[in-house]
Amino acid sequence: MITIKHLAISGIVATTLLSCGNGNDKADGYGNFEVTETTISAENNGKLMQFDVNEGDQLEKDQLIGYIDTIPLDLKRKQLEVSKALISSKSKGVLSQINVLNAQLKTVSTNKTRAENLLKDNAGTQKQLDDVTGEMNVIKSQIRSVEIQNAPVVNELKSIDIQLQQMDDQIQKSKIINPIKGTVLTKYAEPNEIVSFGKPLYKIANLGIMQLRVYISETQLAAIKIGQEVTVKIDDADTMKTYKGTISWIASEAEFTPKIIQTKEERVALVYATKIDVTNDGSLKIGMPAELWINP
C-alpha cells in the first residue's frame, strides 16, 4: 500500500511539473480568423425572375445563378432596330449616289495617271492633265457635298448603334453571374422581388483559405517575413489543434494594440498587424480565436 501511495504521489508531482512547463510556453501572437467577403449587387432594375442561391451553397466562378426580367429591355431593343431600318432606307438613295461618284472618281484617277505618263513621254499636253485634274476635283467636291447632306443621317445611325450596344450590355447585366468561387454567407433577396441597381443580393467568401490576423510586437518583427511558414493553433476538445500557416502580409506601419484583445498595460504598445494564410479543413470559422507560434 505504501509503495502504491508513493507511486501515486510521484505521478501527481510529475504531472504538475509537466503542466507547469507547458504553461510557461506562450504563443507569439493571438488573433481571430477572417476572410475577404464580397457583396454581390444587382446591376439592373427589374423583377428577380430566378435566384438559385441559399446560404451555405458552394458556388463556382462564372456560375449563372439567376436573372432579372429582360422583357422591357428586349422590347426597347426591337424598337431601336425598327428605327434603324427606317433611317437606313431613307439614306440608301444618298449612299448609292456616293457609290456612283466614287466609281467616277476611280476612272478619272486612272485617266490622270495616264495623262501624267503621256506628259513625261512628251506624248501629251499640260492642258490634258489640267482638265483631268479639274474633273477629279469636281467629283471630290460633289462627294463631300453629298456626305455633308447625309451627315445627320449617318450620325443618327451611329447613335442608334450605340444605344443598341447599351441595350445588349444591360441585357447581359440582367444575368446574375457569380464572380468568385466560394460559400454564400448571407442572402439578401428572394425570387419575384423587385430589385434596383446596386441592391445587395448575397454575400460570398472563399472559406478554403482563412486569414488569421494577429499583431506582432516590434521585437518580434525581425523574426518573421512574408512567405514564412508558422504554426497556428486553435482550441480543440481536449488539446490544441495545430495547422500550418504562411505569412502573407505584414503591415508597413505600426499601430496601437487593439483594446479589445490586450490588457491596459499592453494597449500603449505599438504593434504590426500580420495576416497568416491557413488552409481550412472545415473546422475554421470566421471570428474564431487562434494562436500564432513562430517556428524556430
C-alpha atoms as a PDB file:
ATOM      1  CA  MET A   1       0.000   0.000   0.000  1.00  0.00           C
ATOM      2  CA  ILE A   2       2.877   2.375   0.871  1.00  0.00           C
ATOM      3  CA  THR A   3       4.508   1.648  -2.468  1.00  0.00           C
ATOM      4  CA  ILE A   4       1.305   2.330  -4.346  1.00  0.00           C
ATOM      5  CA  LYS A   5       0.773   5.551  -2.387  1.00  0.00           C
ATOM      6  CA  HIS A   6       4.294   6.774  -3.099  1.00  0.00           C
ATOM      7  CA  LEU A   7       3.871   5.938  -6.801  1.00  0.00           C
ATOM      8  CA  ALA A   8       0.575   7.873  -6.931  1.00  0.00           C
ATOM      9  CA  ILE A   9       2.153  10.926  -5.262  1.00  0.00           C
ATOM     10  CA  SER A  10       5.143  10.738  -7.591  1.00  0.00           C
ATOM     11  CA  GLY A  11       2.812  10.629 -10.580  1.00  0.00           C
ATOM     12  CA  ILE A  12       0.884  13.697  -9.386  1.00  0.00           C
ATOM     13  CA  VAL A  13       4.089  15.663  -8.842  1.00  0.00           C
ATOM     14  CA  ALA A  14       5.392  14.711 -12.275  1.00  0.00           C
ATOM     15  CA  THR A  15       2.126  15.698 -13.920  1.00  0.00           C
ATOM     16  CA  THR A  16       2.103  19.013 -12.068  1.00  0.00           C
ATOM     17  CA  LEU A  17       5.661  19.817 -13.115  1.00  0.00           C
ATOM     18  CA  LEU A  18       4.895  18.874 -16.703  1.00  0.00           C
ATOM     19  CA  SER A  19       1.779  21.061 -16.704  1.00  0.00           C
ATOM     20  CA  CYS A  20       3.736  23.977 -15.302  1.00  0.00           C
ATOM     21  CA  GLY A  21       6.336  23.517 -18.043  1.00  0.00           C
ATOM     22  CA  ASN A  22       3.692  23.703 -20.781  1.00  0.00           C
ATOM     23  CA  GLY A  23       2.016  26.629 -19.106  1.00  0.00           C
ATOM     24  CA  ASN A  24       5.210  28.636 -19.292  1.00  0.00           C
ATOM     25  CA  ASP A  25       5.137  28.361 -23.088  1.00  0.00           C
ATOM     26  CA  LYS A  26       3.463  31.430 -24.506  1.00  0.00           C
ATOM     27  CA  ALA A  27       2.206  31.957 -28.048  1.00  0.00           C
ATOM     28  CA  ASP A  28       3.890  34.625 -30.142  1.00  0.00           C
ATOM     29  CA  GLY A  29       0.583  36.196 -31.101  1.00  0.00           C
ATOM     30  CA  TYR A  30      -3.184  35.988 -30.716  1.00  0.00           C
ATOM     31  CA  GLY A  31      -5.916  36.889 -33.149  1.00  0.00           C
ATOM     32  CA  ASN A  32      -9.044  35.877 -34.996  1.00  0.00           C
ATOM     33  CA  PHE A  33      -9.747  34.307 -38.371  1.00  0.00           C
ATOM     34  CA  GLU A  34     -11.212  36.430 -41.130  1.00  0.00           C
ATOM     35  CA  VAL A  35     -11.848  36.219 -44.877  1.00  0.00           C
ATOM     36  CA  THR A  36     -12.398  38.651 -47.713  1.00  0.00           C
ATOM     37  CA  GLU A  37     -16.162  38.969 -48.043  1.00  0.00           C
ATOM     38  CA  THR A  38     -17.668  40.115 -51.348  1.00  0.00           C
ATOM     39  CA  THR A  39     -21.180  41.536 -51.592  1.00  0.00           C
ATOM     40  CA  ILE A  40     -22.790  40.867 -54.978  1.00  0.00           C
ATOM     41  CA  SER A  41     -25.336  43.507 -56.006  1.00  0.00           C
ATOM     42  CA  ALA A  42     -27.881  43.838 -58.804  1.00  0.00           C
ATOM     43  CA  GLU A  43     -26.573  45.546 -61.944  1.00  0.00           C
ATOM     44  CA  ASN A  44     -30.007  46.312 -63.353  1.00  0.00           C
ATOM     45  CA  ASN A  45     -33.550  47.228 -62.361  1.00  0.00           C
ATOM     46  CA  GLY A  46     -36.495  44.859 -62.549  1.00  0.00           C
ATOM     47  CA  LYS A  47     -38.171  41.760 -61.199  1.00  0.00           C
ATOM     48  CA  LEU A  48     -35.921  38.985 -59.924  1.00  0.00           C
ATOM     49  CA  MET A  49     -37.244  36.145 -62.069  1.00  0.00           C
ATOM     50  CA  GLN A  50     -34.809  33.461 -60.909  1.00  0.00           C
ATOM     51  CA  PHE A  51     -32.378  33.362 -57.993  1.00  0.00           C
ATOM     52  CA  ASP A  52     -31.000  29.907 -57.144  1.00  0.00           C
ATOM     53  CA  VAL A  53     -28.970  30.797 -54.058  1.00  0.00           C
ATOM     54  CA  ASN A  54     -29.144  29.643 -50.448  1.00  0.00           C
ATOM     55  CA  GLU A  55     -26.894  30.381 -47.500  1.00  0.00           C
ATOM     56  CA  GLY A  56     -24.140  27.786 -47.272  1.00  0.00           C
ATOM     57  CA  ASP A  57     -24.187  26.989 -51.006  1.00  0.00           C
ATOM     58  CA  GLN A  58     -20.854  26.383 -52.686  1.00  0.00           C
ATOM     59  CA  LEU A  59     -20.716  28.428 -55.899  1.00  0.00           C
ATOM     60  CA  GLU A  60     -18.253  28.223 -58.754  1.00  0.00           C
ATOM     61  CA  LYS A  61     -16.745  31.199 -60.536  1.00  0.00           C
ATOM     62  CA  ASP A  62     -18.831  32.426 -63.536  1.00  0.00           C
ATOM     63  CA  GLN A  63     -21.773  30.264 -62.454  1.00  0.00           C
ATOM     64  CA  LEU A  64     -25.179  31.540 -63.642  1.00  0.00           C
ATOM     65  CA  ILE A  65     -27.441  31.657 -60.589  1.00  0.00           C
ATOM     66  CA  GLY A  66     -30.357  33.804 -61.755  1.00  0.00           C
ATOM     67  CA  TYR A  67     -31.566  36.675 -63.882  1.00  0.00           C
ATOM     68  CA  ILE A  68     -33.620  39.866 -63.777  1.00  0.00           C
ATOM     69  CA  ASP A  69     -36.606  40.350 -66.104  1.00  0.00           C
ATOM     70  CA  THR A  70     -35.326  41.440 -69.550  1.00  0.00           C
ATOM     71  CA  ILE A  71     -38.639  41.819 -71.428  1.00  0.00           C
ATOM     72  CA  PRO A  72     -38.699  45.662 -71.222  1.00  0.00           C
ATOM     73  CA  LEU A  73     -35.121  45.825 -72.478  1.00  0.00           C
ATOM     74  CA  ASP A  74     -35.823  43.409 -75.316  1.00  0.00           C
ATOM     75  CA  LEU A  75     -38.846  45.438 -76.450  1.00  0.00           C
ATOM     76  CA  LYS A  76     -36.806  48.654 -76.428  1.00  0.00           C
ATOM     77  CA  ARG A  77     -34.091  46.958 -78.462  1.00  0.00           C
ATOM     78  CA  LYS A  78     -36.597  45.869 -81.105  1.00  0.00           C
ATOM     79  CA  GLN A  79     -37.913  49.433 -81.273  1.00  0.00           C
ATOM     80  CA  LEU A  80     -34.374  50.700 -81.920  1.00  0.00           C
ATOM     81  CA  GLU A  81     -33.885  48.121 -84.670  1.00  0.00           C
ATOM     82  CA  VAL A  82     -37.072  49.330 -86.412  1.00  0.00           C
ATOM     83  CA  SER A  83     -35.872  52.947 -86.190  1.00  0.00           C
ATOM     84  CA  LYS A  84     -32.507  51.987 -87.634  1.00  0.00           C
ATOM     85  CA  ALA A  85     -34.105  50.160 -90.547  1.00  0.00           C
ATOM     86  CA  LEU A  86     -36.350  53.181 -91.305  1.00  0.00           C
ATOM     87  CA  ILE A  87     -33.446  55.647 -91.285  1.00  0.00           C
ATOM     88  CA  SER A  88     -31.281  53.308 -93.370  1.00  0.00           C
ATOM     89  CA  SER A  89     -33.965  53.095 -96.057  1.00  0.00           C
ATOM     90  CA  LYS A  90     -34.047  56.898 -96.295  1.00  0.00           C
ATOM     91  CA  SER A  91     -30.288  57.103 -96.708  1.00  0.00           C
ATOM     92  CA  LYS A  92     -29.992  54.390 -99.363  1.00  0.00           C
ATOM     93  CA  GLY A  93     -30.511  56.887-102.193  1.00  0.00           C
ATOM     94  CA  VAL A  94     -27.783  59.157-100.892  1.00  0.00           C
ATOM     95  CA  LEU A  95     -25.410  56.269-100.302  1.00  0.00           C
ATOM     96  CA  SER A  96     -25.961  54.930-103.828  1.00  0.00           C
ATOM     97  CA  GLN A  97     -25.166  58.397-105.205  1.00  0.00           C
ATOM     98  CA  ILE A  98     -21.883  58.397-103.257  1.00  0.00           C
ATOM     99  CA  ASN A  99     -21.054  54.977-104.697  1.00  0.00           C
ATOM    100  CA  VAL A 100     -21.604  56.283-108.266  1.00  0.00           C
ATOM    101  CA  LEU A 101     -19.379  59.289-107.615  1.00  0.00           C
ATOM    102  CA  ASN A 102     -16.645  57.081-106.128  1.00  0.00           C
ATOM    103  CA  ALA A 103     -16.717  54.927-109.275  1.00  0.00           C
ATOM    104  CA  GLN A 104     -16.359  58.043-111.420  1.00  0.00           C
ATOM    105  CA  LEU A 105     -13.510  59.242-109.242  1.00  0.00           C
ATOM    106  CA  LYS A 106     -11.700  55.952-109.722  1.00  0.00           C
ATOM    107  CA  THR A 107     -11.987  56.251-113.540  1.00  0.00           C
ATOM    108  CA  VAL A 108     -10.789  59.847-113.566  1.00  0.00           C
ATOM    109  CA  SER A 109      -7.880  58.911-111.281  1.00  0.00           C
ATOM    110  CA  THR A 110      -6.805  56.310-113.844  1.00  0.00           C
ATOM    111  CA  ASN A 111      -7.072  58.926-116.622  1.00  0.00           C
ATOM    112  CA  LYS A 112      -4.928  61.310-114.585  1.00  0.00           C
ATOM    113  CA  THR A 113      -2.200  58.703-114.200  1.00  0.00           C
ATOM    114  CA  ARG A 114      -2.305  58.062-117.920  1.00  0.00           C
ATOM    115  CA  ALA A 115      -2.106  61.809-118.710  1.00  0.00           C
ATOM    116  CA  GLU A 116       0.900  62.207-116.363  1.00  0.00           C
ATOM    117  CA  ASN A 117       2.726  59.353-118.102  1.00  0.00           C
ATOM    118  CA  LEU A 118       1.982  60.810-121.549  1.00  0.00           C
ATOM    119  CA  LEU A 119       3.288  64.192-120.425  1.00  0.00           C
ATOM    120  CA  LYS A 120       6.527  62.607-119.181  1.00  0.00           C
ATOM    121  CA  ASP A 121       6.999  60.963-122.586  1.00  0.00           C
ATOM    122  CA  ASN A 122       6.168  64.236-124.386  1.00  0.00           C
ATOM    123  CA  ALA A 123       3.164  62.456-125.922  1.00  0.00           C
ATOM    124  CA  GLY A 124       0.571  64.596-124.142  1.00  0.00           C
ATOM    125  CA  THR A 125      -0.073  68.194-123.159  1.00  0.00           C
ATOM    126  CA  GLN A 126      -0.275  70.024-119.878  1.00  0.00           C
ATOM    127  CA  LYS A 127      -3.831  71.051-120.744  1.00  0.00           C
ATOM    128  CA  GLN A 128      -4.934  67.402-120.887  1.00  0.00           C
ATOM    129  CA  LEU A 129      -3.525  66.828-117.405  1.00  0.00           C
ATOM    130  CA  ASP A 130      -5.118  70.018-116.081  1.00  0.00           C
ATOM    131  CA  ASP A 131      -8.514  69.027-117.486  1.00  0.00           C
ATOM    132  CA  VAL A 132      -8.371  65.585-115.842  1.00  0.00           C
ATOM    133  CA  THR A 133      -7.198  67.122-112.529  1.00  0.00           C
ATOM    134  CA  GLY A 134     -10.061  69.638-112.648  1.00  0.00           C
ATOM    135  CA  GLU A 135     -12.579  66.876-113.320  1.00  0.00           C
ATOM    136  CA  MET A 136     -11.221  64.923-110.326  1.00  0.00           C
ATOM    137  CA  ASN A 137     -11.534  67.937-108.041  1.00  0.00           C
ATOM    138  CA  VAL A 138     -15.139  68.475-109.156  1.00  0.00           C
ATOM    139  CA  ILE A 139     -16.069  64.868-108.325  1.00  0.00           C
ATOM    140  CA  LYS A 140     -14.367  65.094-104.918  1.00  0.00           C
ATOM    141  CA  SER A 141     -16.298  68.272-104.178  1.00  0.00           C
ATOM    142  CA  GLN A 142     -19.551  66.543-105.150  1.00  0.00           C
ATOM    143  CA  ILE A 143     -18.764  63.619-102.828  1.00  0.00           C
ATOM    144  CA  ARG A 144     -18.068  65.993 -99.920  1.00  0.00           C
ATOM    145  CA  SER A 145     -21.327  67.816-100.603  1.00  0.00           C
ATOM    146  CA  VAL A 146     -23.335  64.600-100.584  1.00  0.00           C
ATOM    147  CA  GLU A 147     -21.572  63.412 -97.414  1.00  0.00           C
ATOM    148  CA  ILE A 148     -22.376  66.709 -95.664  1.00  0.00           C
ATOM    149  CA  GLN A 149     -26.033  66.341 -96.650  1.00  0.00           C
ATOM    150  CA  ASN A 150     -26.017  62.773 -95.375  1.00  0.00           C
ATOM    151  CA  ALA A 151     -24.088  63.541 -92.155  1.00  0.00           C
ATOM    152  CA  PRO A 152     -27.178  63.912 -89.923  1.00  0.00           C
ATOM    153  CA  VAL A 153     -28.473  60.546 -91.120  1.00  0.00           C
ATOM    154  CA  VAL A 154     -25.103  58.866 -90.574  1.00  0.00           C
ATOM    155  CA  ASN A 155     -24.799  60.370 -87.087  1.00  0.00           C
ATOM    156  CA  GLU A 156     -28.302  59.223 -86.226  1.00  0.00           C
ATOM    157  CA  LEU A 157     -27.441  55.689 -87.341  1.00  0.00           C
ATOM    158  CA  LYS A 158     -24.290  55.776 -85.195  1.00  0.00           C
ATOM    159  CA  SER A 159     -26.354  56.971 -82.239  1.00  0.00           C
ATOM    160  CA  ILE A 160     -28.789  54.080 -82.675  1.00  0.00           C
ATOM    161  CA  ASP A 161     -25.891  51.605 -82.886  1.00  0.00           C
ATOM    162  CA  ILE A 162     -24.547  52.930 -79.570  1.00  0.00           C
ATOM    163  CA  GLN A 163     -27.999  52.597 -77.983  1.00  0.00           C
ATOM    164  CA  LEU A 164     -28.219  49.011 -79.250  1.00  0.00           C
ATOM    165  CA  GLN A 165     -24.851  48.257 -77.631  1.00  0.00           C
ATOM    166  CA  GLN A 166     -26.138  49.754 -74.385  1.00  0.00           C
ATOM    167  CA  MET A 167     -29.231  47.547 -74.563  1.00  0.00           C
ATOM    168  CA  ASP A 168     -27.078  44.455 -75.141  1.00  0.00           C
ATOM    169  CA  ASP A 169     -24.909  45.418 -72.160  1.00  0.00           C
ATOM    170  CA  GLN A 170     -27.947  45.889 -69.890  1.00  0.00           C
ATOM    171  CA  ILE A 171     -29.438  42.583 -71.032  1.00  0.00           C
ATOM    172  CA  GLN A 172     -26.138  40.852 -70.268  1.00  0.00           C
ATOM    173  CA  LYS A 173     -26.002  42.501 -66.835  1.00  0.00           C
ATOM    174  CA  SER A 174     -29.510  41.216 -66.120  1.00  0.00           C
ATOM    175  CA  LYS A 175     -27.890  37.802 -65.769  1.00  0.00           C
ATOM    176  CA  ILE A 176     -26.632  37.204 -62.224  1.00  0.00           C
ATOM    177  CA  ILE A 177     -23.242  35.549 -62.669  1.00  0.00           C
ATOM    178  CA  ASN A 178     -21.229  34.639 -59.590  1.00  0.00           C
ATOM    179  CA  PRO A 179     -17.802  36.331 -59.865  1.00  0.00           C
ATOM    180  CA  ILE A 180     -15.727  34.215 -57.451  1.00  0.00           C
ATOM    181  CA  LYS A 181     -15.592  30.665 -56.143  1.00  0.00           C
ATOM    182  CA  GLY A 182     -16.780  30.474 -52.544  1.00  0.00           C
ATOM    183  CA  THR A 183     -19.500  29.899 -49.980  1.00  0.00           C
ATOM    184  CA  VAL A 184     -22.656  32.001 -49.695  1.00  0.00           C
ATOM    185  CA  LEU A 185     -22.589  33.673 -46.288  1.00  0.00           C
ATOM    186  CA  THR A 186     -25.761  35.780 -46.418  1.00  0.00           C
ATOM    187  CA  LYS A 187     -28.737  36.030 -48.789  1.00  0.00           C
ATOM    188  CA  TYR A 188     -30.446  39.409 -49.101  1.00  0.00           C
ATOM    189  CA  ALA A 189     -33.103  38.879 -51.810  1.00  0.00           C
ATOM    190  CA  GLU A 190     -35.709  36.344 -52.875  1.00  0.00           C
ATOM    191  CA  PRO A 191     -37.185  35.414 -56.289  1.00  0.00           C
ATOM    192  CA  ASN A 192     -40.019  37.671 -57.554  1.00  0.00           C
ATOM    193  CA  GLU A 193     -38.741  40.672 -55.593  1.00  0.00           C
ATOM    194  CA  ILE A 194     -38.287  43.980 -57.410  1.00  0.00           C
ATOM    195  CA  VAL A 195     -34.620  44.907 -57.285  1.00  0.00           C
ATOM    196  CA  SER A 196     -32.840  48.091 -58.270  1.00  0.00           C
ATOM    197  CA  PHE A 197     -29.329  48.840 -59.435  1.00  0.00           C
ATOM    198  CA  GLY A 198     -26.880  48.394 -56.555  1.00  0.00           C
ATOM    199  CA  LYS A 199     -29.237  46.412 -54.290  1.00  0.00           C
ATOM    200  CA  PRO A 200     -27.243  43.684 -52.448  1.00  0.00           C
ATOM    201  CA  LEU A 201     -28.279  40.170 -53.458  1.00  0.00           C
ATOM    202  CA  TYR A 202     -25.908  37.968 -51.471  1.00  0.00           C
ATOM    203  CA  LYS A 203     -22.534  37.902 -49.742  1.00  0.00           C
ATOM    204  CA  ILE A 204     -19.892  35.336 -50.640  1.00  0.00           C
ATOM    205  CA  ALA A 205     -16.400  34.417 -49.428  1.00  0.00           C
ATOM    206  CA  ASN A 206     -13.803  31.794 -50.189  1.00  0.00           C
ATOM    207  CA  LEU A 207     -13.553  29.773 -46.968  1.00  0.00           C
ATOM    208  CA  GLY A 208     -10.948  27.393 -48.376  1.00  0.00           C
ATOM    209  CA  ILE A 209      -8.162  29.706 -47.225  1.00  0.00           C
ATOM    210  CA  MET A 210      -8.676  31.604 -43.963  1.00  0.00           C
ATOM    211  CA  GLN A 211      -6.589  34.561 -42.795  1.00  0.00           C
ATOM    212  CA  LEU A 212      -5.538  34.795 -39.174  1.00  0.00           C
ATOM    213  CA  ARG A 213      -4.973  38.447 -38.245  1.00  0.00           C
ATOM    214  CA  VAL A 214      -2.550  38.845 -35.355  1.00  0.00           C
ATOM    215  CA  TYR A 215      -0.465  41.704 -34.005  1.00  0.00           C
ATOM    216  CA  ILE A 216       3.308  41.365 -33.727  1.00  0.00           C
ATOM    217  CA  SER A 217       5.463  43.481 -31.428  1.00  0.00           C
ATOM    218  CA  GLU A 218       8.442  45.402 -32.757  1.00  0.00           C
ATOM    219  CA  THR A 219      10.849  42.981 -31.086  1.00  0.00           C
ATOM    220  CA  GLN A 220       9.211  40.031 -32.905  1.00  0.00           C
ATOM    221  CA  LEU A 221       9.203  41.775 -36.279  1.00  0.00           C
ATOM    222  CA  ALA A 222      12.757  40.726 -37.137  1.00  0.00           C
ATOM    223  CA  ALA A 223      11.836  37.045 -36.678  1.00  0.00           C
ATOM    224  CA  ILE A 224       9.128  36.965 -39.393  1.00  0.00           C
ATOM    225  CA  LYS A 225       8.878  37.659 -43.106  1.00  0.00           C
ATOM    226  CA  ILE A 226       6.337  37.241 -45.886  1.00  0.00           C
ATOM    227  CA  GLY A 227       6.199  33.652 -47.155  1.00  0.00           C
ATOM    228  CA  GLN A 228       7.493  32.221 -43.883  1.00  0.00           C
ATOM    229  CA  GLU A 229       5.791  29.094 -42.536  1.00  0.00           C
ATOM    230  CA  VAL A 230       4.421  29.317 -38.991  1.00  0.00           C
ATOM    231  CA  THR A 231       2.249  27.229 -36.686  1.00  0.00           C
ATOM    232  CA  VAL A 232      -1.333  28.157 -35.882  1.00  0.00           C
ATOM    233  CA  LYS A 233      -3.250  26.572 -33.019  1.00  0.00           C
ATOM    234  CA  ILE A 234      -6.947  26.577 -32.103  1.00  0.00           C
ATOM    235  CA  ASP A 235      -8.827  25.197 -29.123  1.00  0.00           C
ATOM    236  CA  ASP A 236      -9.980  21.606 -29.552  1.00  0.00           C
ATOM    237  CA  ALA A 237     -11.952  19.251 -27.319  1.00  0.00           C
ATOM    238  CA  ASP A 238      -9.017  18.061 -25.199  1.00  0.00           C
ATOM    239  CA  THR A 239      -5.965  19.879 -26.515  1.00  0.00           C
ATOM    240  CA  MET A 240      -4.850  22.427 -29.103  1.00  0.00           C
ATOM    241  CA  LYS A 241      -5.330  21.616 -32.786  1.00  0.00           C
ATOM    242  CA  THR A 242      -2.378  22.568 -34.958  1.00  0.00           C
ATOM    243  CA  TYR A 243      -2.298  23.938 -38.512  1.00  0.00           C
ATOM    244  CA  LYS A 244       0.428  25.052 -40.869  1.00  0.00           C
ATOM    245  CA  GLY A 245       0.242  28.689 -41.885  1.00  0.00           C
ATOM    246  CA  THR A 246       2.062  31.056 -44.241  1.00  0.00           C
ATOM    247  CA  ILE A 247       2.609  34.734 -43.533  1.00  0.00           C
ATOM    248  CA  SER A 248       1.009  36.596 -46.441  1.00  0.00           C
ATOM    249  CA  TRP A 249       1.053  40.217 -45.259  1.00  0.00           C
ATOM    250  CA  ILE A 250       2.809  42.406 -42.692  1.00  0.00           C
ATOM    251  CA  ALA A 251       1.693  45.981 -42.102  1.00  0.00           C
ATOM    252  CA  SER A 252       4.220  48.614 -43.171  1.00  0.00           C
ATOM    253  CA  GLU A 253       3.228  50.956 -40.334  1.00  0.00           C
ATOM    254  CA  ALA A 254       2.857  50.351 -36.625  1.00  0.00           C
ATOM    255  CA  GLU A 255      -0.385  50.935 -34.730  1.00  0.00           C
ATOM    256  CA  PHE A 256      -1.526  50.850 -31.130  1.00  0.00           C
ATOM    257  CA  THR A 257      -2.514  47.443 -29.848  1.00  0.00           C
ATOM    258  CA  PRO A 258      -6.287  46.870 -30.275  1.00  0.00           C
ATOM    259  CA  LYS A 259      -8.000  47.420 -26.929  1.00  0.00           C
ATOM    260  CA  ILE A 260     -10.356  44.501 -27.314  1.00  0.00           C
ATOM    261  CA  ILE A 261      -7.694  41.818 -27.045  1.00  0.00           C
ATOM    262  CA  GLN A 262      -4.985  43.252 -24.790  1.00  0.00           C
ATOM    263  CA  THR A 263      -4.564  44.376 -21.191  1.00  0.00           C
ATOM    264  CA  LYS A 264      -4.450  48.024 -20.165  1.00  0.00           C
ATOM    265  CA  GLU A 265      -0.652  47.949 -19.860  1.00  0.00           C
ATOM    266  CA  GLU A 266      -0.199  46.459 -23.336  1.00  0.00           C
ATOM    267  CA  ARG A 267      -2.569  48.898 -25.041  1.00  0.00           C
ATOM    268  CA  VAL A 268       0.103  51.585 -25.133  1.00  0.00           C
ATOM    269  CA  ALA A 269       2.496  49.367 -27.127  1.00  0.00           C
ATOM    270  CA  LEU A 270       2.957  49.743 -30.880  1.00  0.00           C
ATOM    271  CA  VAL A 271       2.403  46.583 -32.917  1.00  0.00           C
ATOM    272  CA  TYR A 272       2.286  45.485 -36.549  1.00  0.00           C
ATOM    273  CA  ALA A 273      -0.785  43.792 -37.995  1.00  0.00           C
ATOM    274  CA  THR A 274       0.030  40.500 -39.716  1.00  0.00           C
ATOM    275  CA  LYS A 275      -2.014  38.036 -41.762  1.00  0.00           C
ATOM    276  CA  ILE A 276      -1.364  34.295 -41.916  1.00  0.00           C
ATOM    277  CA  ASP A 277      -2.992  32.150 -44.607  1.00  0.00           C
ATOM    278  CA  VAL A 278      -4.275  28.829 -43.279  1.00  0.00           C
ATOM    279  CA  THR A 279      -5.872  26.055 -45.333  1.00  0.00           C
ATOM    280  CA  ASN A 280      -9.313  25.372 -43.903  1.00  0.00           C
ATOM    281  CA  ASP A 281     -10.204  21.730 -43.238  1.00  0.00           C
ATOM    282  CA  GLY A 282     -13.752  22.744 -42.384  1.00  0.00           C
ATOM    283  CA  SER A 283     -13.106  23.431 -38.717  1.00  0.00           C
ATOM    284  CA  LEU A 284     -12.054  27.059 -39.062  1.00  0.00           C
ATOM    285  CA  LYS A 285     -14.795  29.700 -38.832  1.00  0.00           C
ATOM    286  CA  ILE A 286     -14.924  33.451 -39.263  1.00  0.00           C
ATOM    287  CA  GLY A 287     -14.120  35.182 -35.967  1.00  0.00           C
ATOM    288  CA  MET A 288     -12.663  32.065 -34.344  1.00  0.00           C
ATOM    289  CA  PRO A 289      -9.713  32.872 -31.998  1.00  0.00           C
ATOM    290  CA  ALA A 290      -6.332  31.294 -32.639  1.00  0.00           C
ATOM    291  CA  GLU A 291      -2.701  31.444 -31.575  1.00  0.00           C
ATOM    292  CA  LEU A 292       0.406  32.126 -33.640  1.00  0.00           C
ATOM    293  CA  TRP A 293       3.605  30.218 -32.935  1.00  0.00           C
ATOM    294  CA  ILE A 294       6.722  31.267 -34.817  1.00  0.00           C
ATOM    295  CA  ASN A 295       8.710  28.218 -35.783  1.00  0.00           C
ATOM    296  CA  PRO A 296      12.294  28.210 -34.503  1.00  0.00           C
END
